[in-house]
Amino acid sequence: MTESLTSPGAAPVGHLQDLSATGQLAVLCLRGLGRRESELSKGLSAHFPSSTVAALIARCDDLMQFLARYARRPFMRHQPDCPCLGADEAAFAHLIDLTETGEREDVLMFAMMLTRPDMAPCLLPLAEAFTLTLHRALAQSRRTMGCPYHQSTHVH
């Protein structure tokens, strides 16, 4: 993990494999951004065209820049290869899943947990753009049957 467990956002609350395909891909992009971007790009390129990889990284970067500036506290991420899911990552994945379903009030509630309340509405269009890019990437990979992010059938 990037920080000690003294930060509540870093606390493990689950496993990456428990997320939806969209949530998994969102968290993996989030974890790789700004750390191991070349590895992230290379890993994504194995499953997606380069234009899709560039779009995923750009939209995720937009979100991370926003969170870096307007987060309620420092946003915590686990290492890219960590199987755990941190509290902040879980909230982020849930925000993305809710964005995908169009539950705008719930998305706004999660945005307020992650950012200053006055800036939460500004997070919505960034989350929508990233979610749409994730959705398109996963739909494209399902057509080619080459993406591991949609193969999880784990249900509690």
N, C-alpha and C. Protein backbone atom coordinates (compact mmCIF):
# COMPACT_ATOMS: atom_id res chain seq x y z
N MET A 1 0.84 -1.17 0.00
CA MET A 1 0.00 0.00 0.00
C MET A 1 0.89 1.23 0.00
N THR A 2 0.32 2.36 -0.40
CA THR A 2 1.12 3.56 -0.52
C THR A 2 1.28 4.29 0.80
N GLU A 3 0.40 4.13 1.72
CA GLU A 3 0.47 4.78 3.02
C GLU A 3 0.21 3.74 4.09
N SER A 4 0.55 4.06 5.29
CA SER A 4 0.27 3.14 6.38
C SER A 4 -1.23 3.11 6.64
N LEU A 5 -1.65 2.15 7.41
CA LEU A 5 -3.07 2.01 7.70
C LEU A 5 -3.59 3.07 8.65
N THR A 6 -2.77 4.06 9.00
CA THR A 6 -3.25 5.14 9.83
C THR A 6 -4.22 6.02 9.06
N SER A 7 -4.20 5.97 7.76
CA SER A 7 -5.15 6.71 6.95
C SER A 7 -6.39 5.87 6.73
N PRO A 8 -7.57 6.39 7.08
CA PRO A 8 -8.79 5.59 6.91
C PRO A 8 -9.07 5.22 5.45
N GLY A 9 -8.61 6.01 4.52
CA GLY A 9 -8.84 5.71 3.11
C GLY A 9 -8.04 4.54 2.60
N ALA A 10 -6.97 4.19 3.31
CA ALA A 10 -6.13 3.07 2.89
C ALA A 10 -6.58 1.74 3.50
N ALA A 11 -7.45 1.79 4.48
CA ALA A 11 -7.88 0.56 5.16
C ALA A 11 -8.47 -0.44 4.18
N PRO A 12 -8.01 -1.69 4.21
CA PRO A 12 -8.57 -2.70 3.31
C PRO A 12 -10.01 -3.02 3.72
N VAL A 13 -10.89 -2.98 2.74
CA VAL A 13 -12.31 -3.25 3.01
C VAL A 13 -12.85 -4.38 2.14
N GLY A 14 -12.04 -4.93 1.28
CA GLY A 14 -12.49 -5.99 0.40
C GLY A 14 -11.38 -6.42 -0.53
N HIS A 15 -11.78 -7.08 -1.59
CA HIS A 15 -10.83 -7.57 -2.59
C HIS A 15 -11.21 -7.04 -3.96
N LEU A 16 -10.21 -6.77 -4.74
CA LEU A 16 -10.41 -6.25 -6.09
C LEU A 16 -11.30 -7.17 -6.92
N GLN A 17 -11.15 -8.47 -6.75
CA GLN A 17 -11.92 -9.44 -7.54
C GLN A 17 -13.42 -9.38 -7.23
N ASP A 18 -13.80 -8.77 -6.11
CA ASP A 18 -15.21 -8.68 -5.75
C ASP A 18 -15.95 -7.58 -6.50
N LEU A 19 -15.22 -6.71 -7.17
CA LEU A 19 -15.84 -5.60 -7.90
C LEU A 19 -16.40 -6.05 -9.23
N SER A 20 -17.28 -5.22 -9.78
CA SER A 20 -17.76 -5.43 -11.15
C SER A 20 -16.58 -5.25 -12.10
N ALA A 21 -16.75 -5.66 -13.34
CA ALA A 21 -15.70 -5.48 -14.34
C ALA A 21 -15.35 -4.01 -14.49
N THR A 22 -16.37 -3.16 -14.49
CA THR A 22 -16.14 -1.72 -14.61
C THR A 22 -15.36 -1.21 -13.41
N GLY A 23 -15.77 -1.64 -12.22
CA GLY A 23 -15.08 -1.22 -11.00
C GLY A 23 -13.64 -1.69 -10.95
N GLN A 24 -13.40 -2.94 -11.36
CA GLN A 24 -12.03 -3.46 -11.38
C GLN A 24 -11.14 -2.63 -12.30
N LEU A 25 -11.62 -2.40 -13.50
CA LEU A 25 -10.83 -1.64 -14.47
C LEU A 25 -10.60 -0.21 -13.98
N ALA A 26 -11.63 0.39 -13.37
CA ALA A 26 -11.49 1.75 -12.84
C ALA A 26 -10.41 1.82 -11.77
N VAL A 27 -10.44 0.86 -10.84
CA VAL A 27 -9.45 0.85 -9.75
C VAL A 27 -8.05 0.57 -10.29
N LEU A 28 -7.94 -0.35 -11.24
CA LEU A 28 -6.62 -0.64 -11.82
C LEU A 28 -6.05 0.58 -12.53
N CYS A 29 -6.89 1.32 -13.24
CA CYS A 29 -6.43 2.56 -13.88
C CYS A 29 -6.01 3.57 -12.82
N LEU A 30 -6.84 3.70 -11.80
CA LEU A 30 -6.57 4.63 -10.71
C LEU A 30 -5.24 4.32 -10.03
N ARG A 31 -4.99 3.05 -9.77
CA ARG A 31 -3.76 2.64 -9.09
C ARG A 31 -2.51 2.88 -9.94
N GLY A 32 -2.61 2.65 -11.21
CA GLY A 32 -1.44 2.77 -12.08
C GLY A 32 -1.11 4.18 -12.48
N LEU A 33 -2.08 5.06 -12.40
CA LEU A 33 -1.89 6.43 -12.86
C LEU A 33 -0.87 7.17 -12.01
N GLY A 34 0.11 7.75 -12.67
CA GLY A 34 1.11 8.55 -11.99
C GLY A 34 2.19 7.75 -11.28
N ARG A 35 2.11 6.44 -11.32
CA ARG A 35 3.10 5.60 -10.64
C ARG A 35 3.85 4.78 -11.66
N ARG A 36 3.12 3.90 -12.25
CA ARG A 36 3.69 2.97 -13.23
C ARG A 36 2.90 3.09 -14.53
N GLU A 37 2.80 4.32 -15.02
CA GLU A 37 1.97 4.53 -16.20
C GLU A 37 2.41 3.72 -17.39
N SER A 38 3.70 3.52 -17.55
CA SER A 38 4.16 2.72 -18.69
C SER A 38 3.69 1.27 -18.54
N GLU A 39 3.74 0.75 -17.30
CA GLU A 39 3.23 -0.61 -17.06
C GLU A 39 1.72 -0.67 -17.24
N LEU A 40 1.03 0.37 -16.75
CA LEU A 40 -0.42 0.44 -16.91
C LEU A 40 -0.77 0.44 -18.39
N SER A 41 -0.11 1.30 -19.15
CA SER A 41 -0.37 1.40 -20.58
C SER A 41 -0.07 0.08 -21.29
N LYS A 42 1.04 -0.54 -20.93
CA LYS A 42 1.41 -1.82 -21.55
C LYS A 42 0.39 -2.91 -21.21
N GLY A 43 -0.03 -2.96 -19.94
CA GLY A 43 -1.01 -3.96 -19.52
C GLY A 43 -2.36 -3.77 -20.21
N LEU A 44 -2.80 -2.53 -20.30
CA LEU A 44 -4.08 -2.26 -20.97
C LEU A 44 -3.98 -2.51 -22.47
N SER A 45 -2.81 -2.22 -23.04
CA SER A 45 -2.63 -2.41 -24.48
C SER A 45 -2.74 -3.87 -24.90
N ALA A 46 -2.55 -4.78 -23.96
CA ALA A 46 -2.72 -6.20 -24.27
C ALA A 46 -4.18 -6.55 -24.52
N HIS A 47 -5.10 -5.68 -24.07
CA HIS A 47 -6.52 -5.98 -24.18
C HIS A 47 -7.32 -4.95 -24.98
N PHE A 48 -6.75 -3.76 -25.14
CA PHE A 48 -7.49 -2.68 -25.79
C PHE A 48 -6.61 -2.01 -26.84
N PRO A 49 -7.23 -1.40 -27.87
CA PRO A 49 -6.46 -0.62 -28.85
C PRO A 49 -5.80 0.59 -28.18
N SER A 50 -4.75 1.07 -28.78
CA SER A 50 -3.99 2.18 -28.19
C SER A 50 -4.84 3.43 -28.00
N SER A 51 -5.79 3.68 -28.90
CA SER A 51 -6.65 4.86 -28.73
C SER A 51 -7.54 4.71 -27.50
N THR A 52 -7.99 3.50 -27.21
CA THR A 52 -8.80 3.24 -26.03
C THR A 52 -7.97 3.40 -24.76
N VAL A 53 -6.75 2.88 -24.79
CA VAL A 53 -5.84 3.01 -23.65
C VAL A 53 -5.57 4.48 -23.36
N ALA A 54 -5.30 5.25 -24.39
CA ALA A 54 -5.04 6.68 -24.21
C ALA A 54 -6.25 7.39 -23.62
N ALA A 55 -7.44 7.03 -24.09
CA ALA A 55 -8.67 7.64 -23.57
C ALA A 55 -8.90 7.26 -22.10
N LEU A 56 -8.68 5.98 -21.76
CA LEU A 56 -8.84 5.54 -20.37
C LEU A 56 -7.90 6.30 -19.44
N ILE A 57 -6.65 6.40 -19.84
CA ILE A 57 -5.66 7.09 -19.01
C ILE A 57 -5.99 8.58 -18.90
N ALA A 58 -6.40 9.19 -19.98
CA ALA A 58 -6.72 10.62 -19.96
C ALA A 58 -7.92 10.92 -19.07
N ARG A 59 -8.99 10.12 -19.20
CA ARG A 59 -10.18 10.36 -18.38
C ARG A 59 -9.91 10.07 -16.90
N CYS A 60 -9.13 9.05 -16.62
CA CYS A 60 -8.77 8.74 -15.23
C CYS A 60 -7.89 9.86 -14.67
N ASP A 61 -7.00 10.37 -15.48
CA ASP A 61 -6.14 11.47 -15.05
C ASP A 61 -6.98 12.71 -14.72
N ASP A 62 -8.00 12.98 -15.53
CA ASP A 62 -8.90 14.11 -15.25
C ASP A 62 -9.51 13.97 -13.85
N LEU A 63 -9.99 12.76 -13.55
CA LEU A 63 -10.59 12.51 -12.24
C LEU A 63 -9.56 12.64 -11.12
N MET A 64 -8.39 12.08 -11.31
CA MET A 64 -7.37 12.13 -10.26
C MET A 64 -6.87 13.55 -10.02
N GLN A 65 -6.75 14.34 -11.08
CA GLN A 65 -6.36 15.74 -10.90
C GLN A 65 -7.40 16.48 -10.06
N PHE A 66 -8.66 16.20 -10.34
CA PHE A 66 -9.75 16.82 -9.59
C PHE A 66 -9.70 16.39 -8.12
N LEU A 67 -9.54 15.07 -7.91
CA LEU A 67 -9.49 14.57 -6.53
C LEU A 67 -8.26 15.09 -5.79
N ALA A 68 -7.16 15.22 -6.48
CA ALA A 68 -5.95 15.75 -5.84
C ALA A 68 -6.17 17.18 -5.36
N ARG A 69 -6.96 17.91 -6.08
CA ARG A 69 -7.18 19.31 -5.72
C ARG A 69 -8.32 19.52 -4.73
N TYR A 70 -9.40 18.73 -4.87
CA TYR A 70 -10.61 19.00 -4.09
C TYR A 70 -11.03 17.89 -3.13
N ALA A 71 -10.19 16.92 -2.91
CA ALA A 71 -10.55 15.83 -1.99
C ALA A 71 -10.67 16.35 -0.56
N ARG A 72 -11.53 15.70 0.20
CA ARG A 72 -11.70 16.06 1.61
C ARG A 72 -10.43 15.78 2.40
N ARG A 73 -9.70 14.79 2.00
CA ARG A 73 -8.42 14.41 2.60
C ARG A 73 -7.64 13.72 1.49
N PRO A 74 -6.36 13.43 1.69
CA PRO A 74 -5.61 12.75 0.63
C PRO A 74 -6.27 11.44 0.21
N PHE A 75 -6.42 11.25 -1.07
CA PHE A 75 -7.04 10.05 -1.64
C PHE A 75 -6.01 8.93 -1.63
N MET A 76 -6.35 7.81 -1.03
CA MET A 76 -5.41 6.72 -0.85
C MET A 76 -5.63 5.61 -1.88
N ARG A 77 -4.51 5.09 -2.39
CA ARG A 77 -4.55 3.98 -3.36
C ARG A 77 -3.59 2.89 -2.91
N HIS A 78 -3.99 1.66 -3.13
CA HIS A 78 -3.08 0.53 -2.89
C HIS A 78 -2.16 0.40 -4.11
N GLN A 79 -1.13 -0.42 -3.98
CA GLN A 79 -0.22 -0.67 -5.09
C GLN A 79 -0.96 -1.37 -6.23
N PRO A 80 -0.52 -1.17 -7.47
CA PRO A 80 -1.23 -1.76 -8.61
C PRO A 80 -1.44 -3.27 -8.53
N ASP A 81 -0.51 -4.01 -7.95
CA ASP A 81 -0.64 -5.46 -7.91
C ASP A 81 -1.26 -5.99 -6.61
N CYS A 82 -1.73 -5.12 -5.74
CA CYS A 82 -2.32 -5.53 -4.47
C CYS A 82 -3.72 -6.10 -4.69
N PRO A 83 -4.03 -7.28 -4.13
CA PRO A 83 -5.36 -7.85 -4.30
C PRO A 83 -6.42 -7.20 -3.40
N CYS A 84 -5.97 -6.45 -2.38
CA CYS A 84 -6.90 -5.78 -1.46
C CYS A 84 -7.57 -4.59 -2.14
N LEU A 85 -8.66 -4.17 -1.55
CA LEU A 85 -9.37 -2.99 -2.01
C LEU A 85 -9.45 -2.03 -0.84
N GLY A 86 -8.88 -0.85 -1.00
CA GLY A 86 -8.91 0.15 0.06
C GLY A 86 -10.25 0.86 0.13
N ALA A 87 -10.50 1.52 1.26
CA ALA A 87 -11.78 2.20 1.47
C ALA A 87 -12.03 3.28 0.41
N ASP A 88 -11.02 4.10 0.12
CA ASP A 88 -11.19 5.14 -0.90
C ASP A 88 -11.42 4.51 -2.28
N GLU A 89 -10.68 3.45 -2.57
CA GLU A 89 -10.85 2.77 -3.86
C GLU A 89 -12.25 2.16 -3.97
N ALA A 90 -12.75 1.60 -2.88
CA ALA A 90 -14.10 1.01 -2.89
C ALA A 90 -15.15 2.09 -3.14
N ALA A 91 -15.00 3.24 -2.48
CA ALA A 91 -15.94 4.34 -2.71
C ALA A 91 -15.86 4.82 -4.16
N PHE A 92 -14.65 4.91 -4.69
CA PHE A 92 -14.45 5.33 -6.08
C PHE A 92 -15.10 4.33 -7.04
N ALA A 93 -14.88 3.03 -6.81
CA ALA A 93 -15.47 2.00 -7.67
C ALA A 93 -16.99 2.05 -7.60
N HIS A 94 -17.52 2.27 -6.41
CA HIS A 94 -18.97 2.34 -6.27
C HIS A 94 -19.52 3.58 -6.98
N LEU A 95 -18.81 4.69 -6.88
CA LEU A 95 -19.21 5.90 -7.59
C LEU A 95 -19.26 5.64 -9.10
N ILE A 96 -18.27 4.92 -9.62
CA ILE A 96 -18.23 4.60 -11.05
C ILE A 96 -19.38 3.67 -11.42
N ASP A 97 -19.63 2.64 -10.60
CA ASP A 97 -20.75 1.73 -10.87
C ASP A 97 -22.08 2.46 -10.86
N LEU A 98 -22.28 3.37 -9.91
CA LEU A 98 -23.52 4.14 -9.85
C LEU A 98 -23.64 5.08 -11.05
N THR A 99 -22.52 5.64 -11.47
CA THR A 99 -22.53 6.50 -12.65
C THR A 99 -22.98 5.71 -13.87
N GLU A 100 -22.52 4.46 -13.96
CA GLU A 100 -22.88 3.60 -15.09
C GLU A 100 -24.38 3.33 -15.12
N THR A 101 -25.02 3.24 -13.94
CA THR A 101 -26.46 2.96 -13.90
C THR A 101 -27.31 4.23 -13.98
N GLY A 102 -26.67 5.39 -13.90
CA GLY A 102 -27.41 6.64 -14.02
C GLY A 102 -28.05 7.13 -12.74
N GLU A 103 -27.63 6.62 -11.60
CA GLU A 103 -28.18 7.03 -10.30
C GLU A 103 -27.50 8.32 -9.85
N ARG A 104 -27.90 9.45 -10.42
CA ARG A 104 -27.18 10.71 -10.20
C ARG A 104 -27.18 11.17 -8.75
N GLU A 105 -28.29 11.00 -8.02
CA GLU A 105 -28.31 11.43 -6.61
C GLU A 105 -27.33 10.61 -5.78
N ASP A 106 -27.28 9.31 -6.04
CA ASP A 106 -26.34 8.45 -5.32
C ASP A 106 -24.90 8.77 -5.71
N VAL A 107 -24.68 9.06 -6.98
CA VAL A 107 -23.34 9.45 -7.42
C VAL A 107 -22.92 10.73 -6.69
N LEU A 108 -23.83 11.67 -6.59
CA LEU A 108 -23.53 12.92 -5.89
C LEU A 108 -23.20 12.67 -4.42
N MET A 109 -23.92 11.74 -3.79
CA MET A 109 -23.64 11.41 -2.39
C MET A 109 -22.22 10.85 -2.24
N PHE A 110 -21.83 9.94 -3.13
CA PHE A 110 -20.47 9.40 -3.07
C PHE A 110 -19.44 10.47 -3.41
N ALA A 111 -19.78 11.34 -4.33
CA ALA A 111 -18.87 12.44 -4.67
C ALA A 111 -18.64 13.33 -3.46
N MET A 112 -19.68 13.55 -2.65
CA MET A 112 -19.52 14.37 -1.45
C MET A 112 -18.68 13.67 -0.39
N MET A 113 -18.66 12.35 -0.39
CA MET A 113 -17.79 11.64 0.55
C MET A 113 -16.32 11.77 0.15
N LEU A 114 -16.07 11.90 -1.14
CA LEU A 114 -14.69 11.96 -1.62
C LEU A 114 -14.15 13.38 -1.75
N THR A 115 -15.02 14.33 -2.05
CA THR A 115 -14.57 15.70 -2.30
C THR A 115 -15.24 16.68 -1.35
N ARG A 116 -14.79 17.90 -1.40
CA ARG A 116 -15.48 18.95 -0.65
C ARG A 116 -16.91 19.03 -1.17
N PRO A 117 -17.89 19.21 -0.29
CA PRO A 117 -19.29 19.24 -0.74
C PRO A 117 -19.59 20.27 -1.82
N ASP A 118 -18.94 21.43 -1.78
CA ASP A 118 -19.20 22.45 -2.78
C ASP A 118 -18.67 22.06 -4.16
N MET A 119 -17.73 21.12 -4.21
CA MET A 119 -17.15 20.71 -5.48
C MET A 119 -17.71 19.38 -6.00
N ALA A 120 -18.50 18.71 -5.19
CA ALA A 120 -19.03 17.40 -5.58
C ALA A 120 -19.79 17.42 -6.91
N PRO A 121 -20.66 18.41 -7.17
CA PRO A 121 -21.36 18.40 -8.46
C PRO A 121 -20.41 18.49 -9.66
N CYS A 122 -19.26 19.10 -9.47
CA CYS A 122 -18.28 19.22 -10.56
C CYS A 122 -17.59 17.89 -10.87
N LEU A 123 -17.66 16.95 -9.94
CA LEU A 123 -17.05 15.64 -10.16
C LEU A 123 -17.91 14.78 -11.09
N LEU A 124 -19.23 15.03 -11.12
CA LEU A 124 -20.13 14.18 -11.89
C LEU A 124 -19.79 14.09 -13.37
N PRO A 125 -19.58 15.20 -14.09
CA PRO A 125 -19.26 15.05 -15.52
C PRO A 125 -17.93 14.33 -15.77
N LEU A 126 -16.98 14.49 -14.85
CA LEU A 126 -15.70 13.78 -15.00
C LEU A 126 -15.91 12.28 -14.79
N ALA A 127 -16.72 11.93 -13.79
CA ALA A 127 -17.03 10.52 -13.54
C ALA A 127 -17.81 9.93 -14.71
N GLU A 128 -18.73 10.70 -15.27
CA GLU A 128 -19.51 10.22 -16.42
C GLU A 128 -18.62 9.97 -17.63
N ALA A 129 -17.69 10.87 -17.89
CA ALA A 129 -16.79 10.71 -19.04
C ALA A 129 -15.90 9.48 -18.86
N PHE A 130 -15.37 9.29 -17.65
CA PHE A 130 -14.52 8.13 -17.38
C PHE A 130 -15.33 6.84 -17.47
N THR A 131 -16.53 6.85 -16.90
CA THR A 131 -17.38 5.65 -16.93
C THR A 131 -17.76 5.28 -18.35
N LEU A 132 -18.08 6.26 -19.16
CA LEU A 132 -18.42 5.98 -20.56
C LEU A 132 -17.22 5.37 -21.28
N THR A 133 -16.04 5.88 -21.02
CA THR A 133 -14.82 5.33 -21.63
C THR A 133 -14.59 3.90 -21.16
N LEU A 134 -14.78 3.64 -19.86
CA LEU A 134 -14.65 2.28 -19.32
C LEU A 134 -15.66 1.35 -19.98
N HIS A 135 -16.90 1.81 -20.06
CA HIS A 135 -17.98 1.00 -20.64
C HIS A 135 -17.67 0.64 -22.10
N ARG A 136 -17.22 1.62 -22.86
CA ARG A 136 -16.87 1.37 -24.27
C ARG A 136 -15.71 0.39 -24.38
N ALA A 137 -14.71 0.55 -23.52
CA ALA A 137 -13.54 -0.34 -23.56
C ALA A 137 -13.96 -1.77 -23.25
N LEU A 138 -14.77 -1.95 -22.23
CA LEU A 138 -15.20 -3.30 -21.85
C LEU A 138 -16.11 -3.91 -22.90
N ALA A 139 -16.99 -3.11 -23.49
CA ALA A 139 -17.86 -3.63 -24.55
C ALA A 139 -17.02 -4.07 -25.74
N GLN A 140 -16.02 -3.30 -26.06
CA GLN A 140 -15.12 -3.63 -27.16
C GLN A 140 -14.36 -4.92 -26.85
N SER A 141 -13.89 -5.07 -25.62
CA SER A 141 -13.12 -6.27 -25.26
C SER A 141 -14.01 -7.50 -25.21
N ARG A 142 -15.26 -7.34 -24.83
CA ARG A 142 -16.18 -8.48 -24.81
C ARG A 142 -16.43 -9.00 -26.22
N ARG A 143 -16.46 -8.08 -27.18
CA ARG A 143 -16.65 -8.51 -28.57
C ARG A 143 -15.46 -9.32 -29.06
N THR A 144 -14.27 -8.97 -28.59
CA THR A 144 -13.09 -9.71 -29.02
C THR A 144 -12.75 -10.85 -28.07
N MET A 145 -13.46 -10.93 -26.93
CA MET A 145 -13.30 -12.00 -25.94
C MET A 145 -11.88 -12.11 -25.41
N GLY A 146 -11.20 -11.00 -25.29
CA GLY A 146 -9.83 -11.07 -24.83
C GLY A 146 -9.54 -10.35 -23.53
N CYS A 147 -10.54 -9.88 -22.82
CA CYS A 147 -10.30 -9.07 -21.64
C CYS A 147 -10.61 -9.85 -20.36
N PRO A 148 -9.69 -9.84 -19.39
CA PRO A 148 -9.93 -10.57 -18.15
C PRO A 148 -10.87 -9.87 -17.19
N TYR A 149 -11.19 -8.60 -17.43
CA TYR A 149 -11.95 -7.83 -16.45
C TYR A 149 -13.42 -8.20 -16.38
N HIS A 150 -13.92 -8.95 -17.34
CA HIS A 150 -15.34 -9.32 -17.29
C HIS A 150 -15.54 -10.79 -16.97
N GLN A 151 -14.50 -11.49 -16.57
CA GLN A 151 -14.60 -12.92 -16.35
C GLN A 151 -14.90 -13.28 -14.90
N SER A 152 -14.88 -12.35 -13.98
CA SER A 152 -15.13 -12.66 -12.59
C SER A 152 -16.60 -12.99 -12.37
N THR A 153 -16.85 -14.12 -11.74
CA THR A 153 -18.23 -14.50 -11.42
C THR A 153 -18.39 -14.64 -9.92
N HIS A 154 -17.46 -14.08 -9.16
CA HIS A 154 -17.48 -14.18 -7.70
C HIS A 154 -18.66 -13.40 -7.14
N VAL A 155 -19.50 -14.08 -6.37
CA VAL A 155 -20.64 -13.44 -5.72
C VAL A 155 -20.64 -13.88 -4.26
N HIS A 156 -20.88 -12.97 -3.34
CA HIS A 156 -20.93 -13.38 -1.93
C HIS A 156 -22.34 -13.83 -1.61
